Structure formats: structure tokens, C-alpha cells
Amino acid sequence: MKALYKSGAHAGFDLVDRPEPETGAGDVKIRVMTTGICGTDLHIQSWDAWAQGMINAPLIAGHEFYGEVVEVGEDVLDVKVGDRVSGEGHIVCGICRNCRAGRKQMCINTVSVGVQRDGAFAEYVVIPETNVWVHHDPSVTPELGAIFDPFGNAVHTALSFPLVGEDVLITGAGPIGLMAIAVARHAGARKIAITDVSAPRLALARTLGVDLAIDVSTTRVKDAQRELGMREGFDVGMEMSGHPTALPEMIENMNHGGRIAMLGLPSQSIDIDWGKVVTHMLTMKGIYGREMFETWYAMSAMLSSNPVLHANISAVVTDTLPAADWEKGFEIARAGVGGKVVLDWTGF
């Protein structure tokens, strides 16, 4: 099979022929149709310090995907050949305290597809049946199915706190921040503001229904509050950027008792005003991945019940390229000026 392969501890990928993965008794083999390019994949490609500390090379990267089941193991109960599926990329142990308590997203022994084991930048991928999500809604296209993983990040973050009637600040208009706009609107938010420095991404945010898209290279969030007619600060914050200035400015603009969900991974230490966190009684919650599998149920339910949400999440995919043009796809994703980049693997 064709696969994007990292042959060792160095930068880059190679599109090469690799053996097809074998299907274990509890596994499902999937013919990959589409894959999303994630920030994690950019780290792996460049082989930066994060990748060096996390990746088991050699390996096939890629964890955002959609495809068709072509083989199931003898112990597989529900997934069937021919099912169209996406996959939960966090494979858990099932026996640690959190797993046994039903908090699988907090498993201390998680192994990630495309990070510690071979992933989906290939014609075929194998994952346990327990990690397969079957799409029963025919309106889920291959492109939309490929971004269920990051859509789940947006849903997990946005639904961490009640949003009905609340004013929401999202920092970072990357693909996940853009999807969070649609989710927050679906969940009943009153005013939604998003920040970034990329004019194309802020323009895309406006098409997705944000009330105010703020270029923080020229405008402060405090000034934006006045433009929205706000009097007391934001009720809910979603930090999606990881930028060192985003969280401190968010804290400065939260209402007393405000709640902040943090998904963005900072690349350096962030100095924040902890006195304000205490005296303003702010709640801060770290978000990683998706709740297994409540987030997946929420994603599918929202998409099938809300055509506007469906259209807006689909619109976050701005570039679809043949997998053979993977280098161009990675260049577009790394430029950080558009939405989600998807690779099509059906041409081999």
C-alpha cells in the first residue's frame, strides 16, 4: 500500500510502499478515503522537540480519517464490512482507574494512532473495534468524516460549560476555533467573538456567523467588548491558540465567575495574573481530545439535526488535494491562513 512514512528520527516524510497492516481478533481494517492534516502532523514532519519526545519512529503518521471497513477480526461484534467510519485516535488500556470509572479520555496509558503506532496517512489503517465510529448519516461526506477528530475537539471544548445566553470569547481562528463558533451558536450562545491575526481566517469566521472577528494585532479585546455592547465581560472563554498572550488577555476580559476551557497547547511558559483568577473566581479547565464517546454522539446528533451547523462545519474544509500532492497540502496547512486541509487517498 502507499503510505506517508517517517523512516527514522529526522524531518520529513516519504510517500512509499509499505506492507498492509494485519487485522487482529478485535480489530477493524479500514480502506482510507480521506485524511485531515493536523498540527500534530506538522510537528512530526518537522521533527521538532515535541515530536522527538513523543513519536515512536519509524511509523506512519495521521490520525484524522474517514474510510470504508474492508475486514473485521473474529471477535468484532458490531462493525461490519462496508461500514463508512471515522476513528477515535486515542487507544486506551481499559483497566486503569479512569478507564474502569468510564473516564476513558483520562486514561494514563493512552496510545495515539499516528503518534505511538501506525496511523492513517496510508491506503489502509487498522484500529480496535472499540475505536471505530460508524457513520449512519449519509450526509456525512468523506471530507466531513475526515475532520470528526478535530470537530470533536471543538465540541468537547465548547460544551464544557453551559452556553445558553452567554457571551463567548474564542482565541485562535484555526480550524478548531472556527468549528467552535458553529457549536457555540448551536448551543445557544448570545454574542460570540473570535481573535486571530490572520485576515483570511478572520474573514472565514465572519462567514460562519461570529458576531465579531478581532484582529489582535491592531485591536484589543476590551475595545471589542464595547463594540458588542457588553457591560461586564465574557462569560465563557475558549483558548484554542496556545499563543502566550492569548490567555492573559482572555483573563483580563472575563466576567467575575467566568469559565475558561483551554485546548491550545502553549509552546512556552505563560505568565498570568493568578490574583485575578482568584479574586474574580474564574474556573479554568484543560481539554484534551474528546470524551469517549459522549462527544462523538453529540457530534453526530448535532450534524444530523441542524443543517446550518452541518454546512458551517463542512465549510471549514477549505482545501482537498490528492494524497500524491501531500507536500503541497502540508505547505498550505503550515501557512496557517485557511481552514482544514484534507488529503484524498482514493486515487492510488
Foldseek 3Di string as FASTA:
>chain_A
DWAFWDADQAAATDGDDDDADDAEQQKWKWQWFKAWDDPVNLCCRHNDPVLVVFADPGAGAGQQTKTFTCDGHNNHDPDDGGFIWHWQFWDADCPDPCNVVQFRVPHPPTDGDRGHHHHDRGRMDMDGPLGIDTAPDPVCDRLNSRCPFLLQLLLQQLPPDQAAAFEEEEEDLAQSSLLNLLNSVVRHHDAYEYEDQFPLSLVLSVVLPHPYYYNVVPDAVVVVCVVVVHDFFGQEYEYAALEQVVVQSNLVRHGQAHEYEYEHNHPDDHDHDVVSCVVSVYHYHYDDTHGVVVSVVVVSVCLVPDVSSVVSSSVLAPEEEASVVVVVQSVVVVVRNGGIYMYGDPPD
